[in-house]
mmCIF file of all heavy atoms, coordinates in Angstrom:
data_MODEL
# 
_entry.id   MODEL 
# 
loop_
_atom_site.group_PDB 
_atom_site.id 
_atom_site.type_symbol 
_atom_site.label_atom_id 
_atom_site.label_alt_id 
_atom_site.label_comp_id 
_atom_site.label_asym_id 
_atom_site.label_entity_id 
_atom_site.label_seq_id 
_atom_site.pdbx_PDB_ins_code 
_atom_site.Cartn_x 
_atom_site.Cartn_y 
_atom_site.Cartn_z 
_atom_site.occupancy 
_atom_site.B_iso_or_equiv 
_atom_site.pdbx_formal_charge 
_atom_site.auth_seq_id 
_atom_site.auth_comp_id 
_atom_site.auth_asym_id 
_atom_site.auth_atom_id 
_atom_site.pdbx_PDB_model_num 
ATOM 1   N N   . GLU A 1 1  ? 0.798   -1.244  -0.016  1.00 0.00 ? 1  GLU A N   1 
ATOM 2   C CA  . GLU A 1 1  ? 0.019   0.001   0.001   1.00 0.00 ? 1  GLU A CA  1 
ATOM 3   C C   . GLU A 1 1  ? 0.863   1.251   -0.005  1.00 0.00 ? 1  GLU A C   1 
ATOM 4   O O   . GLU A 1 1  ? 0.479   2.263   -0.648  1.00 0.00 ? 1  GLU A O   1 
ATOM 5   C CB  . GLU A 1 1  ? -0.952  -0.025  1.206   1.00 0.00 ? 1  GLU A CB  1 
ATOM 6   C CG  . GLU A 1 1  ? -1.999  -1.124  1.075   1.00 0.00 ? 1  GLU A CG  1 
ATOM 7   C CD  . GLU A 1 1  ? -3.089  -1.011  2.128   1.00 0.00 ? 1  GLU A CD  1 
ATOM 8   O OE1 . GLU A 1 1  ? -3.175  0.027   2.793   1.00 0.00 ? 1  GLU A OE1 1 
ATOM 9   O OE2 . GLU A 1 1  ? -3.858  -1.933  2.239   1.00 0.00 ? 1  GLU A OE2 1 
ATOM 10  N N   . LYS A 1 2  ? 1.983   1.260   0.713   1.00 0.00 ? 2  LYS A N   1 
ATOM 11  C CA  . LYS A 1 2  ? 2.863   2.442   0.697   1.00 0.00 ? 2  LYS A CA  1 
ATOM 12  C C   . LYS A 1 2  ? 3.410   2.699   -0.671  1.00 0.00 ? 2  LYS A C   1 
ATOM 13  O O   . LYS A 1 2  ? 3.480   3.841   -1.144  1.00 0.00 ? 2  LYS A O   1 
ATOM 14  C CB  . LYS A 1 2  ? 3.944   2.276   1.747   1.00 0.00 ? 2  LYS A CB  1 
ATOM 15  C CG  . LYS A 1 2  ? 3.463   2.342   3.195   1.00 0.00 ? 2  LYS A CG  1 
ATOM 16  C CD  . LYS A 1 2  ? 4.621   2.255   4.160   1.00 0.00 ? 2  LYS A CD  1 
ATOM 17  C CE  . LYS A 1 2  ? 4.122   2.341   5.606   1.00 0.00 ? 2  LYS A CE  1 
ATOM 18  N NZ  . LYS A 1 2  ? 5.280   2.221   6.572   1.00 0.00 ? 2  LYS A NZ  1 
ATOM 19  N N   . GLN A 1 3  ? 3.843   1.626   -1.301  1.00 0.00 ? 3  GLN A N   1 
ATOM 20  C CA  . GLN A 1 3  ? 4.423   1.731   -2.647  1.00 0.00 ? 3  GLN A CA  1 
ATOM 21  C C   . GLN A 1 3  ? 3.369   2.188   -3.654  1.00 0.00 ? 3  GLN A C   1 
ATOM 22  O O   . GLN A 1 3  ? 3.587   3.039   -4.495  1.00 0.00 ? 3  GLN A O   1 
ATOM 23  C CB  . GLN A 1 3  ? 5.003   0.407   -3.100  1.00 0.00 ? 3  GLN A CB  1 
ATOM 24  C CG  . GLN A 1 3  ? 5.914   0.453   -4.322  1.00 0.00 ? 3  GLN A CG  1 
ATOM 25  C CD  . GLN A 1 3  ? 7.306   1.045   -3.961  1.00 0.00 ? 3  GLN A CD  1 
ATOM 26  O OE1 . GLN A 1 3  ? 7.649   1.115   -2.795  1.00 0.00 ? 3  GLN A OE1 1 
ATOM 27  N NE2 . GLN A 1 3  ? 7.959   1.517   -4.956  1.00 0.00 ? 3  GLN A NE2 1 
ATOM 28  N N   . ALA A 1 4  ? 2.160   1.623   -3.540  1.00 0.00 ? 4  ALA A N   1 
ATOM 29  C CA  . ALA A 1 4  ? 1.068   2.006   -4.407  1.00 0.00 ? 4  ALA A CA  1 
ATOM 30  C C   . ALA A 1 4  ? 0.739   3.471   -4.268  1.00 0.00 ? 4  ALA A C   1 
ATOM 31  O O   . ALA A 1 4  ? 0.485   4.200   -5.249  1.00 0.00 ? 4  ALA A O   1 
ATOM 32  C CB  . ALA A 1 4  ? -0.146  1.157   -4.134  1.00 0.00 ? 4  ALA A CB  1 
ATOM 33  N N   . GLU A 1 5  ? 0.739   3.980   -3.009  1.00 0.00 ? 5  GLU A N   1 
ATOM 34  C CA  . GLU A 1 5  ? 0.437   5.372   -2.810  1.00 0.00 ? 5  GLU A CA  1 
ATOM 35  C C   . GLU A 1 5  ? 1.504   6.279   -3.355  1.00 0.00 ? 5  GLU A C   1 
ATOM 36  O O   . GLU A 1 5  ? 1.210   7.354   -3.931  1.00 0.00 ? 5  GLU A O   1 
ATOM 37  C CB  . GLU A 1 5  ? 0.284   5.638   -1.288  1.00 0.00 ? 5  GLU A CB  1 
ATOM 38  C CG  . GLU A 1 5  ? 0.018   7.114   -0.914  1.00 0.00 ? 5  GLU A CG  1 
ATOM 39  C CD  . GLU A 1 5  ? -1.289  7.668   -1.475  1.00 0.00 ? 5  GLU A CD  1 
ATOM 40  O OE1 . GLU A 1 5  ? -2.140  6.859   -1.970  1.00 0.00 ? 5  GLU A OE1 1 
ATOM 41  O OE2 . GLU A 1 5  ? -1.464  8.898   -1.431  1.00 0.00 ? 5  GLU A OE2 1 
ATOM 42  N N   . LEU A 1 6  ? 2.760   5.861   -3.257  1.00 0.00 ? 6  LEU A N   1 
ATOM 43  C CA  . LEU A 1 6  ? 3.834   6.644   -3.851  1.00 0.00 ? 6  LEU A CA  1 
ATOM 44  C C   . LEU A 1 6  ? 3.676   6.758   -5.353  1.00 0.00 ? 6  LEU A C   1 
ATOM 45  O O   . LEU A 1 6  ? 3.830   7.833   -5.935  1.00 0.00 ? 6  LEU A O   1 
ATOM 46  C CB  . LEU A 1 6  ? 5.170   5.994   -3.487  1.00 0.00 ? 6  LEU A CB  1 
ATOM 47  C CG  . LEU A 1 6  ? 6.437   6.730   -3.972  1.00 0.00 ? 6  LEU A CG  1 
ATOM 48  C CD1 . LEU A 1 6  ? 6.537   8.072   -3.370  1.00 0.00 ? 6  LEU A CD1 1 
ATOM 49  C CD2 . LEU A 1 6  ? 7.674   5.902   -3.599  1.00 0.00 ? 6  LEU A CD2 1 
ATOM 50  N N   . ILE A 1 7  ? 3.333   5.657   -5.968  1.00 0.00 ? 7  ILE A N   1 
ATOM 51  C CA  . ILE A 1 7  ? 3.119   5.635   -7.428  1.00 0.00 ? 7  ILE A CA  1 
ATOM 52  C C   . ILE A 1 7  ? 1.941   6.506   -7.803  1.00 0.00 ? 7  ILE A C   1 
ATOM 53  O O   . ILE A 1 7  ? 1.962   7.267   -8.764  1.00 0.00 ? 7  ILE A O   1 
ATOM 54  C CB  . ILE A 1 7  ? 2.930   4.199   -7.949  1.00 0.00 ? 7  ILE A CB  1 
ATOM 55  C CG1 . ILE A 1 7  ? 4.188   3.355   -7.715  1.00 0.00 ? 7  ILE A CG1 1 
ATOM 56  C CG2 . ILE A 1 7  ? 2.596   4.212   -9.465  1.00 0.00 ? 7  ILE A CG2 1 
ATOM 57  C CD1 . ILE A 1 7  ? 3.994   1.892   -7.989  1.00 0.00 ? 7  ILE A CD1 1 
ATOM 58  N N   . ARG A 1 8  ? 0.863   6.371   -7.009  1.00 0.00 ? 8  ARG A N   1 
ATOM 59  C CA  . ARG A 1 8  ? -0.353  7.154   -7.297  1.00 0.00 ? 8  ARG A CA  1 
ATOM 60  C C   . ARG A 1 8  ? -0.044  8.669   -7.260  1.00 0.00 ? 8  ARG A C   1 
ATOM 61  O O   . ARG A 1 8  ? -0.447  9.407   -8.157  1.00 0.00 ? 8  ARG A O   1 
ATOM 62  C CB  . ARG A 1 8  ? -1.424  6.840   -6.242  1.00 0.00 ? 8  ARG A CB  1 
ATOM 63  C CG  . ARG A 1 8  ? -2.814  7.453   -6.564  1.00 0.00 ? 8  ARG A CG  1 
ATOM 64  C CD  . ARG A 1 8  ? -3.799  7.235   -5.431  1.00 0.00 ? 8  ARG A CD  1 
ATOM 65  N NE  . ARG A 1 8  ? -3.457  8.073   -4.256  1.00 0.00 ? 8  ARG A NE  1 
ATOM 66  C CZ  . ARG A 1 8  ? -3.829  9.326   -4.156  1.00 0.00 ? 8  ARG A CZ  1 
ATOM 67  N NH1 . ARG A 1 8  ? -4.559  9.891   -5.080  1.00 0.00 ? 8  ARG A NH1 1 
ATOM 68  N NH2 . ARG A 1 8  ? -3.520  10.034  -3.072  1.00 0.00 ? 8  ARG A NH2 1 
ATOM 69  N N   . ARG A 1 9  ? 0.706   9.093   -6.234  1.00 0.00 ? 9  ARG A N   1 
ATOM 70  C CA  . ARG A 1 9  ? 1.005   10.527  -6.111  1.00 0.00 ? 9  ARG A CA  1 
ATOM 71  C C   . ARG A 1 9  ? 1.894   10.983  -7.252  1.00 0.00 ? 9  ARG A C   1 
ATOM 72  O O   . ARG A 1 9  ? 1.746   12.077  -7.807  1.00 0.00 ? 9  ARG A O   1 
ATOM 73  C CB  . ARG A 1 9  ? 1.716   10.788  -4.772  1.00 0.00 ? 9  ARG A CB  1 
ATOM 74  C CG  . ARG A 1 9  ? 0.771   10.635  -3.574  1.00 0.00 ? 9  ARG A CG  1 
ATOM 75  C CD  . ARG A 1 9  ? 1.502   11.004  -2.308  1.00 0.00 ? 9  ARG A CD  1 
ATOM 76  N NE  . ARG A 1 9  ? 0.652   10.807  -1.131  1.00 0.00 ? 9  ARG A NE  1 
ATOM 77  C CZ  . ARG A 1 9  ? 1.063   10.999  0.108   1.00 0.00 ? 9  ARG A CZ  1 
ATOM 78  N NH1 . ARG A 1 9  ? 2.297   11.416  0.352   1.00 0.00 ? 9  ARG A NH1 1 
ATOM 79  N NH2 . ARG A 1 9  ? 0.239   10.859  1.117   1.00 0.00 ? 9  ARG A NH2 1 
ATOM 80  N N   . SER A 1 10 ? 2.835   10.171  -7.655  1.00 0.00 ? 10 SER A N   1 
ATOM 81  C CA  . SER A 1 10 ? 3.729   10.506  -8.769  1.00 0.00 ? 10 SER A CA  1 
ATOM 82  C C   . SER A 1 10 ? 2.936   10.644  -10.075 1.00 0.00 ? 10 SER A C   1 
ATOM 83  O O   . SER A 1 10 ? 3.165   11.539  -10.857 1.00 0.00 ? 10 SER A O   1 
ATOM 84  C CB  . SER A 1 10 ? 4.802   9.428   -8.975  1.00 0.00 ? 10 SER A CB  1 
ATOM 85  O OG  . SER A 1 10 ? 5.620   9.352   -7.791  1.00 0.00 ? 10 SER A OG  1 
ATOM 86  N N   . LEU A 1 11 ? 1.975   9.724   -10.290 1.00 0.00 ? 11 LEU A N   1 
ATOM 87  C CA  . LEU A 1 11 ? 1.126   9.806   -11.487 1.00 0.00 ? 11 LEU A CA  1 
ATOM 88  C C   . LEU A 1 11 ? 0.254   11.058  -11.443 1.00 0.00 ? 11 LEU A C   1 
ATOM 89  O O   . LEU A 1 11 ? 0.074   11.733  -12.505 1.00 0.00 ? 11 LEU A O   1 
ATOM 90  C CB  . LEU A 1 11 ? 0.271   8.552   -11.599 1.00 0.00 ? 11 LEU A CB  1 
ATOM 91  C CG  . LEU A 1 11 ? 1.030   7.270   -11.992 1.00 0.00 ? 11 LEU A CG  1 
ATOM 92  C CD1 . LEU A 1 11 ? 0.121   6.036   -11.830 1.00 0.00 ? 11 LEU A CD1 1 
ATOM 93  C CD2 . LEU A 1 11 ? 1.533   7.364   -13.455 1.00 0.00 ? 11 LEU A CD2 1 
ATOM 94  N N   . LEU A 1 12 ? -0.285  11.374  -10.301 1.00 0.00 ? 12 LEU A N   1 
ATOM 95  C CA  . LEU A 1 12 ? -1.079  12.589  -10.181 1.00 0.00 ? 12 LEU A CA  1 
ATOM 96  C C   . LEU A 1 12 ? -0.263  13.827  -10.542 1.00 0.00 ? 12 LEU A C   1 
ATOM 97  O O   . LEU A 1 12 ? -0.741  14.732  -11.237 1.00 0.00 ? 12 LEU A O   1 
ATOM 98  C CB  . LEU A 1 12 ? -1.637  12.752  -8.803  1.00 0.00 ? 12 LEU A CB  1 
ATOM 99  C CG  . LEU A 1 12 ? -2.819  11.834  -8.405  1.00 0.00 ? 12 LEU A CG  1 
ATOM 100 C CD1 . LEU A 1 12 ? -3.135  11.955  -6.921  1.00 0.00 ? 12 LEU A CD1 1 
ATOM 101 C CD2 . LEU A 1 12 ? -4.052  12.180  -9.218  1.00 0.00 ? 12 LEU A CD2 1 
ATOM 102 N N   . SER A 1 13 ? 0.983   13.863  -10.099 1.00 0.00 ? 13 SER A N   1 
ATOM 103 C CA  . SER A 1 13 ? 1.859   14.997  -10.399 1.00 0.00 ? 13 SER A CA  1 
ATOM 104 C C   . SER A 1 13 ? 2.184   15.121  -11.894 1.00 0.00 ? 13 SER A C   1 
ATOM 105 O O   . SER A 1 13 ? 2.538   16.189  -12.364 1.00 0.00 ? 13 SER A O   1 
ATOM 106 C CB  . SER A 1 13 ? 3.141   14.925  -9.583  1.00 0.00 ? 13 SER A CB  1 
ATOM 107 O OG  . SER A 1 13 ? 3.996   13.858  -10.065 1.00 0.00 ? 13 SER A OG  1 
ATOM 108 N N   . GLU A 1 14 ? 2.040   13.983  -12.616 1.00 0.00 ? 14 GLU A N   1 
ATOM 109 C CA  . GLU A 1 14 ? 2.286   13.988  -14.069 1.00 0.00 ? 14 GLU A CA  1 
ATOM 110 C C   . GLU A 1 14 ? 1.012   14.246  -14.853 1.00 0.00 ? 14 GLU A C   1 
ATOM 111 O O   . GLU A 1 14 ? 1.025   14.228  -16.093 1.00 0.00 ? 14 GLU A O   1 
ATOM 112 C CB  . GLU A 1 14 ? 2.834   12.621  -14.477 1.00 0.00 ? 14 GLU A CB  1 
ATOM 113 C CG  . GLU A 1 14 ? 4.222   12.313  -13.904 1.00 0.00 ? 14 GLU A CG  1 
ATOM 114 C CD  . GLU A 1 14 ? 5.336   12.728  -14.845 1.00 0.00 ? 14 GLU A CD  1 
ATOM 115 O OE1 . GLU A 1 14 ? 5.176   12.657  -16.070 1.00 0.00 ? 14 GLU A OE1 1 
ATOM 116 O OE2 . GLU A 1 14 ? 6.410   13.143  -14.312 1.00 0.00 ? 14 GLU A OE2 1 
ATOM 117 N N   . GLY A 1 15 ? -0.096  14.488  -14.132 1.00 0.00 ? 15 GLY A N   1 
ATOM 118 C CA  . GLY A 1 15 ? -1.354  14.822  -14.841 1.00 0.00 ? 15 GLY A CA  1 
ATOM 119 C C   . GLY A 1 15 ? -2.219  13.627  -15.157 1.00 0.00 ? 15 GLY A C   1 
ATOM 120 O O   . GLY A 1 15 ? -3.223  13.746  -15.849 1.00 0.00 ? 15 GLY A O   1 
ATOM 121 N N   . HIS A 1 16 ? -1.892  12.407  -14.636 1.00 0.00 ? 16 HIS A N   1 
ATOM 122 C CA  . HIS A 1 16 ? -2.693  11.231  -14.883 1.00 0.00 ? 16 HIS A CA  1 
ATOM 123 C C   . HIS A 1 16 ? -3.775  11.098  -13.803 1.00 0.00 ? 16 HIS A C   1 
ATOM 124 O O   . HIS A 1 16 ? -3.720  11.717  -12.733 1.00 0.00 ? 16 HIS A O   1 
ATOM 125 C CB  . HIS A 1 16 ? -1.774  9.991   -14.874 1.00 0.00 ? 16 HIS A CB  1 
ATOM 126 C CG  . HIS A 1 16 ? -0.757  9.982   -15.931 1.00 0.00 ? 16 HIS A CG  1 
ATOM 127 N ND1 . HIS A 1 16 ? -1.010  9.894   -17.283 1.00 0.00 ? 16 HIS A ND1 1 
ATOM 128 C CD2 . HIS A 1 16 ? 0.605   10.114  -15.829 1.00 0.00 ? 16 HIS A CD2 1 
ATOM 129 C CE1 . HIS A 1 16 ? 0.107   9.935   -17.933 1.00 0.00 ? 16 HIS A CE1 1 
ATOM 130 N NE2 . HIS A 1 16 ? 1.134   10.063  -17.096 1.00 0.00 ? 16 HIS A NE2 1 
ATOM 131 N N   . THR A 1 17 ? -4.778  10.266  -14.086 1.00 0.00 ? 17 THR A N   1 
ATOM 132 C CA  . THR A 1 17 ? -5.782  9.928   -13.115 1.00 0.00 ? 17 THR A CA  1 
ATOM 133 C C   . THR A 1 17 ? -5.695  8.463   -12.784 1.00 0.00 ? 17 THR A C   1 
ATOM 134 O O   . THR A 1 17 ? -6.271  7.600   -13.461 1.00 0.00 ? 17 THR A O   1 
ATOM 135 C CB  . THR A 1 17 ? -7.190  10.253  -13.712 1.00 0.00 ? 17 THR A CB  1 
ATOM 136 O OG1 . THR A 1 17 ? -7.241  11.629  -14.130 1.00 0.00 ? 17 THR A OG1 1 
ATOM 137 C CG2 . THR A 1 17 ? -8.287  10.041  -12.645 1.00 0.00 ? 17 THR A CG2 1 
ATOM 138 N N   . PRO A 1 18 ? -4.907  8.111   -11.748 1.00 0.00 ? 18 PRO A N   1 
ATOM 139 C CA  . PRO A 1 18 ? -4.684  6.700   -11.467 1.00 0.00 ? 18 PRO A CA  1 
ATOM 140 C C   . PRO A 1 18 ? -5.801  6.055   -10.637 1.00 0.00 ? 18 PRO A C   1 
ATOM 141 O O   . PRO A 1 18 ? -6.437  6.665   -9.784  1.00 0.00 ? 18 PRO A O   1 
ATOM 142 C CB  . PRO A 1 18 ? -3.386  6.756   -10.663 1.00 0.00 ? 18 PRO A CB  1 
ATOM 143 C CG  . PRO A 1 18 ? -3.411  8.091   -9.993  1.00 0.00 ? 18 PRO A CG  1 
ATOM 144 C CD  . PRO A 1 18 ? -4.123  9.017   -10.899 1.00 0.00 ? 18 PRO A CD  1 
ATOM 145 N N   . THR A 1 19 ? -5.986  4.768   -10.938 1.00 0.00 ? 19 THR A N   1 
ATOM 146 C CA  . THR A 1 19 ? -6.795  3.902   -10.071 1.00 0.00 ? 19 THR A CA  1 
ATOM 147 C C   . THR A 1 19 ? -5.858  2.853   -9.462  1.00 0.00 ? 19 THR A C   1 
ATOM 148 O O   . THR A 1 19 ? -4.987  2.324   -10.154 1.00 0.00 ? 19 THR A O   1 
ATOM 149 C CB  . THR A 1 19 ? -7.835  3.135   -10.921 1.00 0.00 ? 19 THR A CB  1 
ATOM 150 O OG1 . THR A 1 19 ? -8.743  4.130   -11.464 1.00 0.00 ? 19 THR A OG1 1 
ATOM 151 C CG2 . THR A 1 19 ? -8.642  2.191   -10.062 1.00 0.00 ? 19 THR A CG2 1 
ATOM 152 N N   . VAL A 1 20 ? -5.987  2.586   -8.180  1.00 0.00 ? 20 VAL A N   1 
ATOM 153 C CA  . VAL A 1 20 ? -5.098  1.671   -7.488  1.00 0.00 ? 20 VAL A CA  1 
ATOM 154 C C   . VAL A 1 20 ? -5.872  0.459   -7.014  1.00 0.00 ? 20 VAL A C   1 
ATOM 155 O O   . VAL A 1 20 ? -6.970  0.580   -6.433  1.00 0.00 ? 20 VAL A O   1 
ATOM 156 C CB  . VAL A 1 20 ? -4.444  2.368   -6.272  1.00 0.00 ? 20 VAL A CB  1 
ATOM 157 C CG1 . VAL A 1 20 ? -3.562  1.365   -5.496  1.00 0.00 ? 20 VAL A CG1 1 
ATOM 158 C CG2 . VAL A 1 20 ? -3.559  3.543   -6.721  1.00 0.00 ? 20 VAL A CG2 1 
ATOM 159 N N   . VAL A 1 21 ? -5.342  -0.714  -7.271  1.00 0.00 ? 21 VAL A N   1 
ATOM 160 C CA  . VAL A 1 21 ? -5.921  -1.956  -6.774  1.00 0.00 ? 21 VAL A CA  1 
ATOM 161 C C   . VAL A 1 21 ? -4.766  -2.772  -6.153  1.00 0.00 ? 21 VAL A C   1 
ATOM 162 O O   . VAL A 1 21 ? -3.606  -2.510  -6.425  1.00 0.00 ? 21 VAL A O   1 
ATOM 163 C CB  . VAL A 1 21 ? -6.619  -2.785  -7.853  1.00 0.00 ? 21 VAL A CB  1 
ATOM 164 C CG1 . VAL A 1 21 ? -7.783  -2.030  -8.447  1.00 0.00 ? 21 VAL A CG1 1 
ATOM 165 C CG2 . VAL A 1 21 ? -5.601  -3.153  -8.969  1.00 0.00 ? 21 VAL A CG2 1 
ATOM 166 N N   . HIS A 1 22 ? -5.143  -3.764  -5.313  1.00 0.00 ? 22 HIS A N   1 
ATOM 167 C CA  . HIS A 1 22 ? -4.094  -4.464  -4.555  1.00 0.00 ? 22 HIS A CA  1 
ATOM 168 C C   . HIS A 1 22 ? -4.082  -5.973  -4.738  1.00 0.00 ? 22 HIS A C   1 
ATOM 169 O O   . HIS A 1 22 ? -3.351  -6.662  -4.063  1.00 0.00 ? 22 HIS A O   1 
ATOM 170 C CB  . HIS A 1 22 ? -4.336  -4.172  -3.054  1.00 0.00 ? 22 HIS A CB  1 
ATOM 171 C CG  . HIS A 1 22 ? -4.245  -2.706  -2.707  1.00 0.00 ? 22 HIS A CG  1 
ATOM 172 N ND1 . HIS A 1 22 ? -3.102  -1.955  -2.874  1.00 0.00 ? 22 HIS A ND1 1 
ATOM 173 C CD2 . HIS A 1 22 ? -5.218  -1.847  -2.255  1.00 0.00 ? 22 HIS A CD2 1 
ATOM 174 C CE1 . HIS A 1 22 ? -3.338  -0.691  -2.507  1.00 0.00 ? 22 HIS A CE1 1 
ATOM 175 N NE2 . HIS A 1 22 ? -4.595  -0.618  -2.130  1.00 0.00 ? 22 HIS A NE2 1 
ATOM 176 N N   . ASP A 1 23 ? -4.803  -6.484  -5.727  1.00 0.00 ? 23 ASP A N   1 
ATOM 177 C CA  . ASP A 1 23 ? -4.711  -7.878  -6.051  1.00 0.00 ? 23 ASP A CA  1 
ATOM 178 C C   . ASP A 1 23 ? -5.027  -8.107  -7.528  1.00 0.00 ? 23 ASP A C   1 
ATOM 179 O O   . ASP A 1 23 ? -5.565  -7.235  -8.218  1.00 0.00 ? 23 ASP A O   1 
ATOM 180 C CB  . ASP A 1 23 ? -5.623  -8.783  -5.162  1.00 0.00 ? 23 ASP A CB  1 
ATOM 181 C CG  . ASP A 1 23 ? -7.129  -8.520  -5.434  1.00 0.00 ? 23 ASP A CG  1 
ATOM 182 O OD1 . ASP A 1 23 ? -7.603  -8.934  -6.482  1.00 0.00 ? 23 ASP A OD1 1 
ATOM 183 O OD2 . ASP A 1 23 ? -7.786  -7.943  -4.552  1.00 0.00 ? 23 ASP A OD2 1 
ATOM 184 N N   . GLY A 1 24 ? -4.661  -9.301  -8.042  1.00 0.00 ? 24 GLY A N   1 
ATOM 185 C CA  . GLY A 1 24 ? -4.756  -9.540  -9.483  1.00 0.00 ? 24 GLY A CA  1 
ATOM 186 C C   . GLY A 1 24 ? -6.170  -9.587  -9.967  1.00 0.00 ? 24 GLY A C   1 
ATOM 187 O O   . GLY A 1 24 ? -6.480  -9.122  -11.067 1.00 0.00 ? 24 GLY A O   1 
ATOM 188 N N   . ARG A 1 25 ? -7.103  -10.135 -9.192  1.00 0.00 ? 25 ARG A N   1 
ATOM 189 C CA  . ARG A 1 25 ? -8.491  -10.202 -9.603  1.00 0.00 ? 25 ARG A CA  1 
ATOM 190 C C   . ARG A 1 25 ? -9.060  -8.809  -9.784  1.00 0.00 ? 25 ARG A C   1 
ATOM 191 O O   . ARG A 1 25 ? -9.750  -8.495  -10.780 1.00 0.00 ? 25 ARG A O   1 
ATOM 192 C CB  . ARG A 1 25 ? -9.352  -10.955 -8.594  1.00 0.00 ? 25 ARG A CB  1 
ATOM 193 C CG  . ARG A 1 25 ? -10.839 -10.976 -8.884  1.00 0.00 ? 25 ARG A CG  1 
ATOM 194 C CD  . ARG A 1 25 ? -11.148 -11.703 -10.184 1.00 0.00 ? 25 ARG A CD  1 
ATOM 195 N NE  . ARG A 1 25 ? -10.809 -13.105 -10.115 1.00 0.00 ? 25 ARG A NE  1 
ATOM 196 C CZ  . ARG A 1 25 ? -10.810 -13.958 -11.104 1.00 0.00 ? 25 ARG A CZ  1 
ATOM 197 N NH1 . ARG A 1 25 ? -11.082 -13.479 -12.330 1.00 0.00 ? 25 ARG A NH1 1 
ATOM 198 N NH2 . ARG A 1 25 ? -10.489 -15.214 -10.928 1.00 0.00 ? 25 ARG A NH2 1 
ATOM 199 N N   . ALA A 1 26 ? -8.776  -7.944  -8.812  1.00 0.00 ? 26 ALA A N   1 
ATOM 200 C CA  . ALA A 1 26 ? -9.242  -6.545  -8.922  1.00 0.00 ? 26 ALA A CA  1 
ATOM 201 C C   . ALA A 1 26 ? -8.620  -5.836  -10.121 1.00 0.00 ? 26 ALA A C   1 
ATOM 202 O O   . ALA A 1 26 ? -9.247  -4.993  -10.754 1.00 0.00 ? 26 ALA A O   1 
ATOM 203 C CB  . ALA A 1 26 ? -8.919  -5.785  -7.636  1.00 0.00 ? 26 ALA A CB  1 
ATOM 204 N N   . ALA A 1 27 ? -7.349  -6.175  -10.430 1.00 0.00 ? 27 ALA A N   1 
ATOM 205 C CA  . ALA A 1 27 ? -6.672  -5.570  -11.587 1.00 0.00 ? 27 ALA A CA  1 
ATOM 206 C C   . ALA A 1 27 ? -7.426  -5.931  -12.902 1.00 0.00 ? 27 ALA A C   1 
ATOM 207 O O   . ALA A 1 27 ? -7.690  -5.084  -13.732 1.00 0.00 ? 27 ALA A O   1 
ATOM 208 C CB  . ALA A 1 27 ? -5.252  -6.031  -11.700 1.00 0.00 ? 27 ALA A CB  1 
# 
């Protein structure tokens, strides 16, 4: 979750709209 949040914030700063999931089925 910490890594996912770091990626999410980085993507937001690049102008993307990220969706985060934590398992393969949800992906």
